[in-house]
C-alpha cells in the first residue's frame, strides 16, 4: 500500500486487478486490508480493478486526531475515486456504508452503483452507548484488558451460529486478542461518529443503483436498520445473509461475494 495525498490529508491506498473500478470502504477502526481476505480476490478474479484503503483515523493514513465528520470521510472517498479515474462501484460496510450513503448524496456522478452492508441511517442507542463508553475510557487514559475486549468483540460481532463450534469460537477469540485493545486518537474520532442525526429522509434523494445487505444475527447494527436504509433509497434492493453477525463478509464470504458479484454484473 502507498500513502497518497488526497483531500488535504494522506490515505494509505492499494489497488489490484484491472477492469471496472470497485472501491471498498471499511468500517470503524478497521484497516482496508480486511477486505483482502475474501472480497478483493473474488472481485479481481471476476475482472474488476479493486481499490481499498485505510480511512482517515486509521494509521498510516492521516490520523486527524482533532476529529472529523462523516462528510470529511465521504470527501476523502470522492477524492480517491477521482484520483483513480472514476466513477466507481462503491462497497461499504458499517461506518463505510454510511460514508458511501453520504457520497451518493454529495458526489452522485462518482458512484456507478453501491453495495451497503451492515448499515444504518439513524443512531442506534446500544451502539452509541458502546462507542461513548470506549471514548470515555480513552479520554481517561484507561486501556481495556485485551482478553476482555476480545471476548466482548467476539460476542458483539460474530454470530452464535458460528460460535457454536468451540474450536472456531476459540479461533475468533485469539484473532481479536492478537488485534489488541489499544485505541488511537484516530479510532476515538471514528467512534465519535456514532452520534448523528437521522439521515433516512435525506436518503430519499439518492438516485444511485443500490444493494443493501443485512446480516441476520448482527447485534451491532441489527438488520432492521439496514432494511430502513433500503426502504429510504428509491429502488434499492435488500438482501439478508443468514447465520452471520456484524462481520458477515468474513463469516459468510461465499454468500456475500455471490450477492456482490451478481449485483455488479447486473448493472
Protein backbone atom coordinates (compact mmCIF):
# COMPACT_ATOMS: atom_id res chain seq x y z
CA UNK A 1 0.00 0.00 0.00
CA UNK A 2 1.12 3.57 -0.57
CA UNK A 3 0.34 6.92 1.02
CA UNK A 4 -1.44 9.20 -1.46
CA UNK A 5 -2.13 12.91 -0.78
CA UNK A 6 -5.89 13.42 -1.20
CA UNK A 7 -8.40 15.96 0.12
CA UNK A 8 -5.75 17.69 2.23
CA UNK A 9 -4.64 14.51 4.04
CA UNK A 10 -2.84 11.26 3.18
CA UNK A 11 -4.66 7.98 2.58
CA UNK A 12 -2.99 4.58 2.57
CA UNK A 13 -4.25 3.05 -0.69
CA UNK A 14 -3.82 -0.24 -2.54
CA UNK A 15 -5.18 -1.22 -5.95
CA UNK A 16 -5.29 -4.66 -7.55
CA UNK A 17 -6.57 -6.07 -10.82
CA UNK A 18 -7.89 -4.40 -13.94
CA UNK A 19 -11.27 -3.55 -15.39
CA UNK A 20 -14.14 -1.51 -13.99
CA UNK A 21 -13.21 0.22 -10.74
CA UNK A 22 -14.60 -1.01 -7.41
CA UNK A 23 -13.74 0.96 -4.26
CA UNK A 24 -14.11 -0.78 -0.88
CA UNK A 25 -14.78 1.32 2.25
CA UNK A 26 -14.17 -0.28 5.65
CA UNK A 27 -15.89 0.29 8.99
CA UNK A 28 -14.86 1.83 12.31
CA UNK A 29 -11.29 1.23 13.43
CA UNK A 30 -10.54 -1.42 10.81
CA UNK A 31 -7.83 -1.19 8.13
CA UNK A 32 -8.70 -1.56 4.47
CA UNK A 33 -6.66 -4.75 4.21
CA UNK A 34 -9.51 -6.62 5.96
CA UNK A 35 -11.19 -6.67 2.52
CA UNK A 36 -8.12 -8.52 1.21
CA UNK A 37 -9.14 -11.73 2.98
CA UNK A 38 -12.12 -12.58 0.77
CA UNK A 39 -13.64 -9.74 -1.24
CA UNK A 40 -10.58 -8.44 -3.11
CA UNK A 41 -9.58 -11.84 -4.56
CA UNK A 42 -13.16 -12.55 -5.66
CA UNK A 43 -13.51 -9.18 -7.35
CA UNK A 44 -10.11 -9.35 -9.07
CA UNK A 45 -10.86 -12.87 -10.30
CA UNK A 46 -14.17 -11.55 -11.69
CA UNK A 47 -12.32 -8.93 -13.76
CA UNK A 48 -12.54 -5.79 -11.64
CA UNK A 49 -9.93 -3.25 -10.63
CA UNK A 50 -10.22 -3.00 -6.85
CA UNK A 51 -9.09 -0.20 -4.55
CA UNK A 52 -9.08 -0.47 -0.76
CA UNK A 53 -7.66 1.97 1.75
CA UNK A 54 -7.32 2.97 5.38
CA UNK A 55 -9.89 5.63 6.22
CA UNK A 56 -8.69 8.80 7.93
CA UNK A 57 -8.26 7.96 11.60
CA UNK A 58 -6.64 4.58 10.83
CA UNK A 59 -2.87 4.81 10.63
CA UNK A 60 -0.79 5.05 8.49
CA UNK A 61 -3.44 7.23 6.83
CA UNK A 62 -3.69 10.66 8.45
CA UNK A 63 -4.96 10.21 12.00
CA UNK A 64 -6.75 13.58 12.17
CA UNK A 65 -6.81 13.26 15.95
CA UNK A 66 -8.67 16.54 16.39
CA UNK A 67 -11.78 14.94 14.93
CA UNK A 68 -13.65 14.96 11.64
CA UNK A 69 -17.09 14.44 10.14
CA UNK A 70 -18.74 11.81 8.02
CA UNK A 71 -18.74 14.47 5.29
CA UNK A 72 -14.95 14.67 5.50
CA UNK A 73 -14.73 10.91 5.02
CA UNK A 74 -17.11 10.99 2.06
CA UNK A 75 -14.96 13.74 0.53
CA UNK A 76 -11.87 11.55 1.04
CA UNK A 77 -13.54 8.71 -0.86
CA UNK A 78 -14.63 11.09 -3.61
CA UNK A 79 -11.07 12.36 -3.97
CA UNK A 80 -9.78 8.80 -4.17
CA UNK A 81 -12.29 7.83 -6.88
CA UNK A 82 -11.37 10.93 -8.88
CA UNK A 83 -7.66 10.17 -8.44
CA UNK A 84 -8.22 6.64 -9.75
CA UNK A 85 -10.14 7.83 -12.79
CA UNK A 86 -13.67 7.03 -11.60
CA UNK A 87 -16.61 6.78 -11.47
CA UNK A 88 -16.59 3.58 -9.43
CA UNK A 89 -18.78 0.94 -7.93
CA UNK A 90 -18.53 1.51 -4.17
CA UNK A 91 -18.90 -1.12 -1.47
CA UNK A 92 -19.05 -0.08 2.18
CA UNK A 93 -19.70 -1.84 5.47
CA UNK A 94 -20.90 -0.34 8.76
CA UNK A 95 -19.32 3.15 9.01
CA UNK A 96 -18.06 2.57 5.46
CA UNK A 97 -21.64 2.11 4.30
CA UNK A 98 -22.67 5.38 5.97
CA UNK A 99 -19.75 7.08 4.20
CA UNK A 100 -20.97 5.62 0.91
CA UNK A 101 -24.51 6.84 1.55
CA UNK A 102 -23.24 10.39 2.06
CA UNK A 103 -21.01 10.04 -1.01
CA UNK A 104 -24.05 9.20 -3.14
CA UNK A 105 -25.69 12.42 -1.97
CA UNK A 106 -22.67 14.72 -2.30
CA UNK A 107 -20.97 13.23 -5.39
CA UNK A 108 -23.55 11.14 -7.25
CA UNK A 109 -21.67 11.28 -10.55
CA UNK A 110 -18.74 9.41 -9.00
CA UNK A 111 -20.77 6.38 -7.90
CA UNK A 112 -21.89 3.91 -10.58
CA UNK A 113 -23.57 1.64 -8.04
CA UNK A 114 -23.35 0.99 -4.32
CA UNK A 115 -23.42 -2.00 -2.00
CA UNK A 116 -24.21 -1.09 1.61
CA UNK A 117 -23.53 -3.79 4.22
CA UNK A 118 -24.49 -3.76 7.91
CA UNK A 119 -25.62 -0.18 7.61
CA UNK A 120 -27.92 2.30 9.31
CA UNK A 121 -29.50 5.64 8.62
CA UNK A 122 -30.20 6.67 12.18
CA UNK A 123 -28.47 6.33 15.55
CA UNK A 124 -28.74 3.02 17.38
CA UNK A 125 -28.79 3.57 21.18
CA UNK A 126 -26.85 0.46 22.22
CA UNK A 127 -24.13 1.06 19.64
CA UNK A 128 -23.95 4.71 20.74
CA UNK A 129 -23.54 3.60 24.36
CA UNK A 130 -20.71 1.24 23.39
CA UNK A 131 -18.91 3.91 21.37
CA UNK A 132 -19.36 6.58 24.04
CA UNK A 133 -18.01 4.19 26.68
CA UNK A 134 -14.88 3.47 24.65
CA UNK A 135 -14.38 7.19 24.04
CA UNK A 136 -14.74 7.85 27.78
CA UNK A 137 -12.16 5.18 28.63
CA UNK A 138 -9.76 6.65 26.05
CA UNK A 139 -10.24 10.17 27.45
CA UNK A 140 -9.48 8.89 30.96
CA UNK A 141 -6.38 7.05 29.81
CA UNK A 142 -7.82 3.63 30.67
CA UNK A 143 -6.78 0.70 28.47
CA UNK A 144 -9.24 -2.17 28.35
CA UNK A 145 -7.62 -5.56 29.03
CA UNK A 146 -7.05 -7.35 25.73
CA UNK A 147 -8.76 -10.56 26.87
CA UNK A 148 -11.91 -8.71 27.94
CA UNK A 149 -12.03 -6.63 24.77
CA UNK A 150 -11.54 -9.73 22.62
CA UNK A 151 -14.37 -11.61 24.34
CA UNK A 152 -16.72 -8.63 24.10
CA UNK A 153 -15.83 -8.07 20.44
CA UNK A 154 -16.49 -11.68 19.51
CA UNK A 155 -19.87 -11.65 21.26
CA UNK A 156 -20.80 -8.39 19.55
CA UNK A 157 -19.52 -9.12 16.04
CA UNK A 158 -19.75 -12.87 15.42
CA UNK A 159 -22.92 -14.93 15.08
CA UNK A 160 -23.82 -17.51 17.70
CA UNK A 161 -24.22 -19.92 14.79
CA UNK A 162 -20.51 -19.56 14.12
CA UNK A 163 -19.55 -19.69 17.79
CA UNK A 164 -21.45 -22.96 18.33
CA UNK A 165 -18.26 -24.73 17.24
CA UNK A 166 -15.85 -24.39 20.22
CA UNK A 167 -12.72 -24.63 18.08
CA UNK A 168 -13.97 -21.92 15.72
CA UNK A 169 -15.02 -19.76 18.67
CA UNK A 170 -11.53 -20.05 20.15
CA UNK A 171 -10.02 -19.02 16.83
CA UNK A 172 -12.13 -15.87 16.80
CA UNK A 173 -11.16 -15.01 20.38
CA UNK A 174 -7.48 -15.46 19.55
CA UNK A 175 -7.85 -13.33 16.42
CA UNK A 176 -9.32 -10.44 18.39
CA UNK A 177 -6.72 -10.85 21.16
CA UNK A 178 -3.99 -10.61 18.53
CA UNK A 179 -5.56 -7.42 17.17
CA UNK A 180 -5.30 -5.88 20.64
CA UNK A 181 -7.45 -3.44 22.55
CA UNK A 182 -5.45 -0.21 22.31
CA UNK A 183 -7.37 2.70 20.84
CA UNK A 184 -5.67 5.52 18.98
CA UNK A 185 -6.86 9.11 18.83
CA UNK A 186 -8.00 8.38 15.28
CA UNK A 187 -10.04 5.40 16.46
CA UNK A 188 -11.67 7.65 19.03
CA UNK A 189 -12.53 10.20 16.35
CA UNK A 190 -14.21 7.49 14.28
CA UNK A 191 -16.12 6.14 17.29
CA UNK A 192 -17.48 9.64 17.95
CA UNK A 193 -19.31 9.46 14.60
CA UNK A 194 -21.88 7.12 16.20
CA UNK A 195 -23.60 10.31 17.43
CA UNK A 196 -25.53 11.70 14.47
CA UNK A 197 -28.99 12.80 13.41
CA UNK A 198 -31.21 10.51 11.35
CA UNK A 199 -30.43 10.69 7.64
CA UNK A 200 -33.22 8.45 6.39
CA UNK A 201 -35.25 11.28 4.92
CA UNK A 202 -32.19 12.65 3.12
CA UNK A 203 -31.58 9.24 1.53
CA UNK A 204 -34.81 9.60 -0.42
CA UNK A 205 -32.84 11.88 -2.74
CA UNK A 206 -30.33 9.17 -3.67
CA UNK A 207 -30.56 8.14 -7.31
CA UNK A 208 -27.73 5.60 -7.43
CA UNK A 209 -28.49 1.94 -8.07
CA UNK A 210 -28.08 0.32 -4.65
CA UNK A 211 -27.99 -3.03 -2.89
CA UNK A 212 -28.40 -3.07 0.89
CA UNK A 213 -27.19 -6.20 2.70
CA UNK A 214 -28.22 -7.00 6.25
CA UNK A 215 -26.59 -9.68 8.39
CA UNK A 216 -29.27 -11.69 10.17
CA UNK A 217 -27.51 -12.08 13.54
CA UNK A 218 -25.90 -8.62 13.65
CA UNK A 219 -26.04 -7.29 17.23
CA UNK A 220 -24.10 -4.10 16.48
CA UNK A 221 -26.37 -2.75 13.72
CA UNK A 222 -29.34 -5.15 13.51
CA UNK A 223 -30.68 -5.86 10.02
CA UNK A 224 -33.86 -3.88 10.72
CA UNK A 225 -31.67 -0.77 10.40
CA UNK A 226 -30.38 -1.89 7.02
CA UNK A 227 -33.97 -2.50 5.90
CA UNK A 228 -34.80 1.08 6.81
CA UNK A 229 -31.99 2.31 4.57
CA UNK A 230 -33.20 0.12 1.71
CA UNK A 231 -36.73 1.43 2.17
CA UNK A 232 -35.49 5.03 2.12
CA UNK A 233 -33.35 4.78 -1.05
CA UNK A 234 -35.61 4.75 -4.12
CA UNK A 235 -35.36 1.45 -5.98
CA UNK A 236 -32.83 -0.08 -3.60
CA UNK A 237 -32.74 -3.86 -3.32
CA UNK A 238 -32.48 -5.53 0.09
CA UNK A 239 -30.85 -8.91 0.78
CA UNK A 240 -30.15 -10.61 4.09
CA UNK A 241 -27.44 -13.15 4.83
CA UNK A 242 -28.30 -15.81 7.42
CA UNK A 243 -26.11 -17.11 10.25
CA UNK A 244 -23.68 -14.22 10.45
CA UNK A 245 -23.10 -11.17 12.60
CA UNK A 246 -21.70 -7.70 12.04
CA UNK A 247 -18.68 -9.02 10.13
CA UNK A 248 -20.73 -11.18 7.80
CA UNK A 249 -18.31 -10.52 4.93
CA UNK A 250 -15.76 -12.56 6.94
CA UNK A 251 -18.16 -15.12 8.42
CA UNK A 252 -20.13 -15.92 5.25
CA UNK A 253 -17.84 -14.66 2.47
CA UNK A 254 -19.14 -17.01 -0.22
CA UNK A 255 -22.71 -15.76 0.11
CA UNK A 256 -21.66 -12.13 0.48
CA UNK A 257 -19.42 -12.37 -2.59
CA UNK A 258 -22.19 -14.06 -4.57
CA UNK A 259 -24.59 -11.20 -3.80
CA UNK A 260 -21.92 -8.61 -4.53
CA UNK A 261 -20.88 -10.04 -7.89
CA UNK A 262 -24.43 -10.73 -9.06
CA UNK A 263 -25.34 -7.13 -8.31
CA UNK A 264 -22.30 -5.66 -10.04
CA UNK A 265 -22.71 -7.82 -13.13
CA UNK A 266 -26.38 -6.89 -13.46
CA UNK A 267 -25.65 -3.19 -13.64
